[in-house]
Amino acid sequence: MLEAEYRNLITRASGDPGTNTGVIALLGGLGAAVCWTVATLCSSRSTKMIGSPSALAWVMIVGLVVIAPLMVTGGVPDALGGSELGWLVVAGGGNVLGLLLVYGALRIGKVSIVAPITSTEGAIAAVLAVATGEVIGVPSGVMLLVIAGGVALASVAPGDGSGAERRATLLAISAALSFGAGIYATGRLSEALPLVWAMVPARVLGVVAIALPLAATRRLRLTREALPLVVVAGLCELGGVASFAVGARDSIAISAVLASQFAALAVLAAYVLFRERISRLQLVGVAAIAVGVAVLTALQA
């Protein structure tokens, strides 16, 4: 039921039920970008308050609380086989490891540096999709390259060259690689299993591998100020995965690259909310992303 309602929502937004599947992929990617922008901004604050492991643990707990009833009522899908189990492991591991790395980066680095680098996950997932047989038109491919180039320019943030900044950059690069594999696996899962199962792996793994050990050793932290931030981040991470999974059923490559727009949105939001500086190259990158998305939207419509 959740899957049907979510897909119907995106289909209605495309304006023509039953057609324009490319628009569904586009809207799914954009929905993920918005959700992950909010999650990134909230996490950039909560990690500084309670540390990256505790922030990640609470995000996973919130997500699992939301999807557990849906998973139980839906039962084990008939299509769950050996290959699907393999994709579940990759999707869950890639997401949890990526979040742990990016939360560590956000704790010591700026949103305007970490988010754009991390967002190259979309390009990585798109390359994997095309390499494994997904076919996209030449005009759409060119626009995806324009958007990916804009994301790369948006990552050229002004910095002080400190050791902390370099560590944050390395953590963000590692997170992008992990996320890229994870979201590609999520896209593959969405083709065979119900929507809720695309959201399950990371939440279960995160609670078992991160939250429970922290709680057992009494190192699971939470403050009153951090509580709303981890709740919102948990819900938005979940919403982002759901939106991407719906779009990925029509095109993993398009949804993945569009989802990477959270970088540009996060950079602009960090400038407004946190007064982080934006370079001219970043502004060029944001403009390139906007033009690429506009043309891609027209092509898919």
Protein backbone atom coordinates (compact mmCIF):
# COMPACT_ATOMS: atom_id res chain seq x y z
CA MET A 1 0.00 0.00 0.00
CA LEU A 2 2.81 2.41 0.87
CA GLU A 3 4.49 1.67 -2.46
CA ALA A 4 1.29 2.25 -4.45
CA GLU A 5 0.46 5.52 -2.70
CA TYR A 6 4.00 6.88 -3.11
CA ARG A 7 4.14 6.01 -6.78
CA ASN A 8 0.65 7.44 -7.39
CA LEU A 9 1.74 10.68 -5.73
CA ILE A 10 4.73 11.06 -8.04
CA THR A 11 2.69 9.99 -11.06
CA ARG A 12 0.03 12.62 -10.32
CA ALA A 13 2.78 15.21 -10.01
CA SER A 14 3.99 14.28 -13.50
CA GLY A 15 0.58 15.32 -14.83
CA ASP A 16 -0.11 12.28 -17.01
CA PRO A 17 -0.73 8.94 -15.29
CA GLY A 18 0.54 5.93 -17.20
CA THR A 19 3.00 7.88 -19.37
CA ASN A 20 6.15 9.96 -19.07
CA THR A 21 7.99 7.45 -16.94
CA GLY A 22 11.11 9.61 -17.32
CA VAL A 23 9.32 12.32 -15.38
CA ILE A 24 8.70 9.86 -12.55
CA ALA A 25 12.45 9.16 -12.43
CA LEU A 26 13.13 12.89 -12.45
CA LEU A 27 10.62 13.69 -9.70
CA GLY A 28 11.84 10.77 -7.61
CA GLY A 29 15.40 12.09 -7.82
CA LEU A 30 14.37 15.65 -7.00
CA GLY A 31 12.32 14.45 -4.03
CA ALA A 32 15.33 12.57 -2.73
CA ALA A 33 17.50 15.68 -3.18
CA VAL A 34 15.17 17.82 -1.06
CA CYS A 35 14.91 15.19 1.68
CA TRP A 36 18.67 14.63 1.81
CA THR A 37 19.34 18.38 1.91
CA VAL A 38 17.27 18.73 5.07
CA ALA A 39 18.86 15.61 6.55
CA THR A 40 22.36 16.95 5.83
CA LEU A 41 21.67 20.32 7.44
CA CYS A 42 20.17 18.71 10.56
CA SER A 43 23.03 16.23 10.82
CA SER A 44 25.64 18.96 10.49
CA ARG A 45 24.32 20.40 13.75
CA SER A 46 23.50 17.20 15.66
CA THR A 47 26.93 15.63 15.06
CA LYS A 48 28.57 18.61 16.74
CA MET A 49 26.24 18.22 19.73
CA ILE A 50 26.34 14.47 20.40
CA GLY A 51 29.03 13.08 18.08
CA SER A 52 28.68 11.30 14.75
CA PRO A 53 28.13 7.72 16.08
CA SER A 54 25.25 8.77 18.36
CA ALA A 55 23.73 10.99 15.67
CA LEU A 56 23.78 8.12 13.18
CA ALA A 57 22.40 5.69 15.75
CA TRP A 58 19.39 7.87 16.48
CA VAL A 59 18.73 8.49 12.78
CA MET A 60 18.66 4.73 12.22
CA ILE A 61 16.43 4.16 15.26
CA VAL A 62 13.92 6.74 14.06
CA GLY A 63 13.83 5.17 10.62
CA LEU A 64 13.40 1.64 11.93
CA VAL A 65 10.56 2.69 14.23
CA VAL A 66 8.72 4.11 11.23
CA ILE A 67 9.18 1.20 8.82
CA ALA A 68 9.09 -1.76 11.23
CA PRO A 69 5.25 -1.97 11.31
CA LEU A 70 5.12 -1.79 7.49
CA MET A 71 7.73 -4.52 7.19
CA VAL A 72 5.92 -6.80 9.65
CA THR A 73 2.47 -6.35 8.09
CA GLY A 74 3.83 -6.82 4.57
CA GLY A 75 5.68 -10.03 5.40
CA VAL A 76 8.56 -11.55 3.48
CA PRO A 77 8.12 -11.00 -0.28
CA ASP A 78 8.04 -14.03 -2.57
CA ALA A 79 10.70 -12.45 -4.81
CA LEU A 80 13.30 -12.43 -2.03
CA GLY A 81 16.09 -14.72 -3.23
CA GLY A 82 19.85 -15.04 -3.15
CA SER A 83 20.60 -12.10 -5.45
CA GLU A 84 18.15 -9.87 -3.61
CA LEU A 85 19.79 -10.76 -0.30
CA GLY A 86 23.13 -9.75 -1.79
CA TRP A 87 21.75 -6.37 -2.89
CA LEU A 88 20.23 -5.92 0.58
CA VAL A 89 23.68 -6.33 2.14
CA VAL A 90 25.29 -3.89 -0.31
CA ALA A 91 22.49 -1.34 0.05
CA GLY A 92 22.48 -1.47 3.84
CA GLY A 93 26.24 -1.54 4.25
CA GLY A 94 26.83 1.23 1.72
CA ASN A 95 24.27 3.50 3.33
CA VAL A 96 25.34 2.98 6.94
CA LEU A 97 29.07 3.24 6.21
CA GLY A 98 28.46 6.29 4.02
CA LEU A 99 26.44 8.03 6.72
CA LEU A 100 29.02 7.24 9.38
CA LEU A 101 31.76 8.72 7.19
CA VAL A 102 29.79 11.79 6.19
CA TYR A 103 28.69 12.48 9.76
CA GLY A 104 32.33 12.35 10.78
CA ALA A 105 33.15 14.80 8.00
CA LEU A 106 30.31 17.15 8.99
CA ARG A 107 31.51 17.19 12.57
CA ILE A 108 34.89 18.68 11.59
CA GLY A 109 34.16 20.29 8.20
CA LYS A 110 31.79 22.74 6.54
CA VAL A 111 28.53 21.75 4.85
CA SER A 112 29.65 23.70 1.76
CA ILE A 113 32.66 21.37 1.41
CA VAL A 114 31.29 18.02 2.59
CA ALA A 115 27.89 17.98 0.87
CA PRO A 116 29.05 18.65 -2.72
CA ILE A 117 31.81 16.04 -2.52
CA THR A 118 29.44 13.47 -1.03
CA SER A 119 26.86 14.18 -3.70
CA THR A 120 29.09 12.66 -6.38
CA GLU A 121 27.44 9.44 -5.19
CA GLY A 122 24.82 10.16 -7.86
CA ALA A 123 27.37 10.18 -10.66
CA ILE A 124 28.96 6.99 -9.29
CA ALA A 125 25.59 5.21 -9.19
CA ALA A 126 24.74 6.48 -12.69
CA VAL A 127 28.03 5.15 -14.09
CA LEU A 128 27.33 1.77 -12.48
CA ALA A 129 23.83 1.74 -13.96
CA VAL A 130 25.00 2.55 -17.48
CA ALA A 131 27.92 0.11 -17.21
CA THR A 132 25.51 -2.68 -16.31
CA GLY A 133 23.19 -2.10 -19.23
CA GLU A 134 20.82 0.81 -18.53
CA VAL A 135 20.22 2.76 -21.74
CA ILE A 136 19.57 6.53 -21.77
CA GLY A 137 19.24 8.85 -24.75
CA VAL A 138 22.17 10.96 -25.90
CA PRO A 139 20.51 14.34 -25.04
CA SER A 140 19.61 13.08 -21.56
CA GLY A 141 23.13 11.71 -21.14
CA VAL A 142 24.62 15.08 -22.04
CA MET A 143 22.40 16.84 -19.51
CA LEU A 144 23.36 14.31 -16.84
CA LEU A 145 27.00 15.16 -17.56
CA VAL A 146 26.22 18.88 -17.26
CA ILE A 147 24.54 18.29 -13.89
CA ALA A 148 27.43 16.10 -12.70
CA GLY A 149 29.86 18.83 -13.79
CA GLY A 150 27.85 21.39 -11.87
CA VAL A 151 28.05 19.21 -8.78
CA ALA A 152 31.83 19.01 -9.22
CA LEU A 153 32.12 22.81 -9.46
CA ALA A 154 29.85 23.22 -6.44
CA SER A 155 32.37 21.18 -4.45
CA VAL A 156 35.12 23.78 -4.99
CA ALA A 157 34.48 25.54 -1.70
CA PRO A 158 36.67 28.21 -0.11
CA GLY A 159 38.68 26.70 2.73
CA ASP A 160 41.62 27.31 4.99
CA GLY A 161 43.63 24.21 4.04
CA SER A 162 43.74 23.00 7.64
CA GLY A 163 44.32 19.40 8.68
CA ALA A 164 40.69 19.13 9.82
CA GLU A 165 39.51 20.32 6.43
CA ARG A 166 41.66 17.77 4.61
CA ARG A 167 40.36 14.98 6.86
CA ALA A 168 36.79 16.10 6.20
CA THR A 169 37.46 16.02 2.45
CA LEU A 170 38.88 12.49 2.60
CA LEU A 171 35.94 11.30 4.69
CA ALA A 172 33.50 12.89 2.21
CA ILE A 173 35.21 11.19 -0.76
CA SER A 174 35.03 7.83 1.00
CA ALA A 175 31.38 8.46 1.84
CA ALA A 176 30.59 9.22 -1.82
CA LEU A 177 32.07 5.90 -2.95
CA SER A 178 30.14 4.02 -0.29
CA PHE A 179 26.89 5.86 -1.02
CA GLY A 180 27.29 5.33 -4.77
CA ALA A 181 27.41 1.55 -4.36
CA GLY A 182 24.59 1.68 -1.81
CA ILE A 183 22.12 3.70 -3.86
CA TYR A 184 22.84 1.64 -6.98
CA ALA A 185 22.01 -1.49 -4.95
CA THR A 186 18.86 0.26 -3.66
CA GLY A 187 17.82 0.92 -7.24
CA ARG A 188 18.31 -2.74 -8.12
CA LEU A 189 16.30 -3.79 -5.06
CA SER A 190 13.44 -1.47 -6.00
CA GLU A 191 13.03 -3.38 -9.27
CA ALA A 192 12.29 -6.68 -7.53
CA LEU A 193 11.00 -6.01 -4.01
CA PRO A 194 8.31 -3.82 -2.39
CA LEU A 195 9.31 -0.22 -1.61
CA VAL A 196 9.65 -0.78 2.13
CA TRP A 197 12.39 -3.36 1.55
CA ALA A 198 14.55 -0.74 -0.11
CA MET A 199 14.50 1.18 3.18
CA VAL A 200 14.94 -1.77 5.55
CA PRO A 201 18.62 -2.80 5.18
CA ALA A 202 20.35 0.34 6.43
CA ARG A 203 17.95 0.83 9.34
CA VAL A 204 18.31 -2.74 10.61
CA LEU A 205 22.08 -2.75 10.14
CA GLY A 206 22.44 0.70 11.70
CA VAL A 207 20.51 -0.27 14.81
CA VAL A 208 22.26 -3.63 15.21
CA ALA A 209 25.82 -2.50 14.41
CA ILE A 210 25.78 1.09 15.75
CA ALA A 211 22.91 1.82 18.14
CA LEU A 212 22.87 -1.37 20.21
CA PRO A 213 26.66 -1.45 20.90
CA LEU A 214 26.57 2.22 21.90
CA ALA A 215 23.61 1.60 24.20
CA ALA A 216 25.25 -1.51 25.70
CA THR A 217 28.40 0.49 26.57
CA ARG A 218 26.38 3.52 27.73
CA ARG A 219 27.88 5.74 25.04
CA LEU A 220 24.62 6.47 23.22
CA ARG A 221 24.17 10.21 23.73
CA LEU A 222 21.16 12.47 23.19
CA THR A 223 20.45 16.03 24.30
CA ARG A 224 17.24 18.03 24.26
CA GLU A 225 18.65 20.30 21.57
CA ALA A 226 19.71 17.38 19.36
CA LEU A 227 16.43 15.44 19.67
CA PRO A 228 14.40 17.30 17.01
CA LEU A 229 17.41 17.33 14.69
CA VAL A 230 17.90 13.54 14.74
CA VAL A 231 14.16 12.95 14.37
CA VAL A 232 13.90 15.19 11.31
CA ALA A 233 17.12 13.75 9.86
CA GLY A 234 15.84 10.19 10.38
CA LEU A 235 12.53 10.92 8.66
CA CYS A 236 14.21 12.76 5.78
CA GLU A 237 16.80 10.03 5.21
CA LEU A 238 13.93 7.57 5.00
CA GLY A 239 11.90 9.81 2.70
CA GLY A 240 14.91 10.33 0.45
CA VAL A 241 15.48 6.60 0.02
CA ALA A 242 11.77 6.04 -0.68
CA SER A 243 11.65 8.81 -3.29
CA PHE A 244 14.83 7.61 -4.98
CA ALA A 245 13.61 3.99 -5.02
CA VAL A 246 10.38 4.99 -6.80
CA GLY A 247 12.26 7.02 -9.40
CA ALA A 248 14.94 4.35 -9.83
CA ARG A 249 12.35 1.86 -11.07
CA ASP A 250 12.19 3.94 -14.24
CA SER A 251 15.84 5.04 -14.40
CA ILE A 252 18.56 4.52 -11.81
CA ALA A 253 20.91 6.87 -13.69
CA ILE A 254 18.49 9.81 -13.92
CA SER A 255 17.21 9.46 -10.36
CA ALA A 256 20.73 9.12 -8.97
CA VAL A 257 22.12 12.22 -10.69
CA LEU A 258 19.04 14.30 -9.84
CA ALA A 259 19.25 13.19 -6.22
CA SER A 260 22.82 14.52 -6.12
CA GLN A 261 21.38 18.02 -6.39
CA PHE A 262 21.17 18.02 -2.62
CA ALA A 263 24.73 19.36 -2.83
CA ALA A 264 23.70 22.64 -4.45
CA LEU A 265 20.69 22.98 -2.18
CA ALA A 266 22.80 22.32 0.91
CA VAL A 267 25.44 24.85 -0.17
CA LEU A 268 22.84 27.57 -0.63
CA ALA A 269 21.09 26.68 2.63
CA ALA A 270 24.40 26.68 4.53
CA TYR A 271 25.13 30.15 3.13
CA VAL A 272 21.76 31.46 4.34
CA LEU A 273 21.52 29.60 7.65
CA PHE A 274 25.14 29.20 8.76
CA ARG A 275 26.81 32.10 6.87
CA GLU A 276 29.25 29.76 5.13
CA ARG A 277 31.09 31.38 2.20
CA ILE A 278 30.27 30.48 -1.40
CA SER A 279 32.91 30.78 -4.13
CA ARG A 280 32.24 31.98 -7.67
CA LEU A 281 32.93 28.49 -8.99
CA GLN A 282 30.28 27.12 -6.64
CA LEU A 283 27.77 29.64 -8.00
CA VAL A 284 28.66 28.58 -11.56
CA GLY A 285 28.14 24.97 -10.50
CA VAL A 286 24.73 25.74 -8.99
CA ALA A 287 23.73 27.57 -12.19
CA ALA A 288 24.90 24.62 -14.33
CA ILE A 289 22.82 22.25 -12.23
CA ALA A 290 19.74 24.45 -12.56
CA VAL A 291 20.09 24.66 -16.36
CA GLY A 292 20.78 20.94 -16.66
CA VAL A 293 17.73 20.04 -14.60
CA ALA A 294 15.50 22.41 -16.56
CA VAL A 295 16.58 20.94 -19.91
CA LEU A 296 16.42 17.37 -18.60
CA THR A 297 12.89 18.04 -17.34
CA ALA A 298 11.87 19.25 -20.80
CA LEU A 299 13.48 16.21 -22.45
CA GLN A 300 11.74 13.75 -20.13
CA ALA A 301 8.39 15.49 -20.52
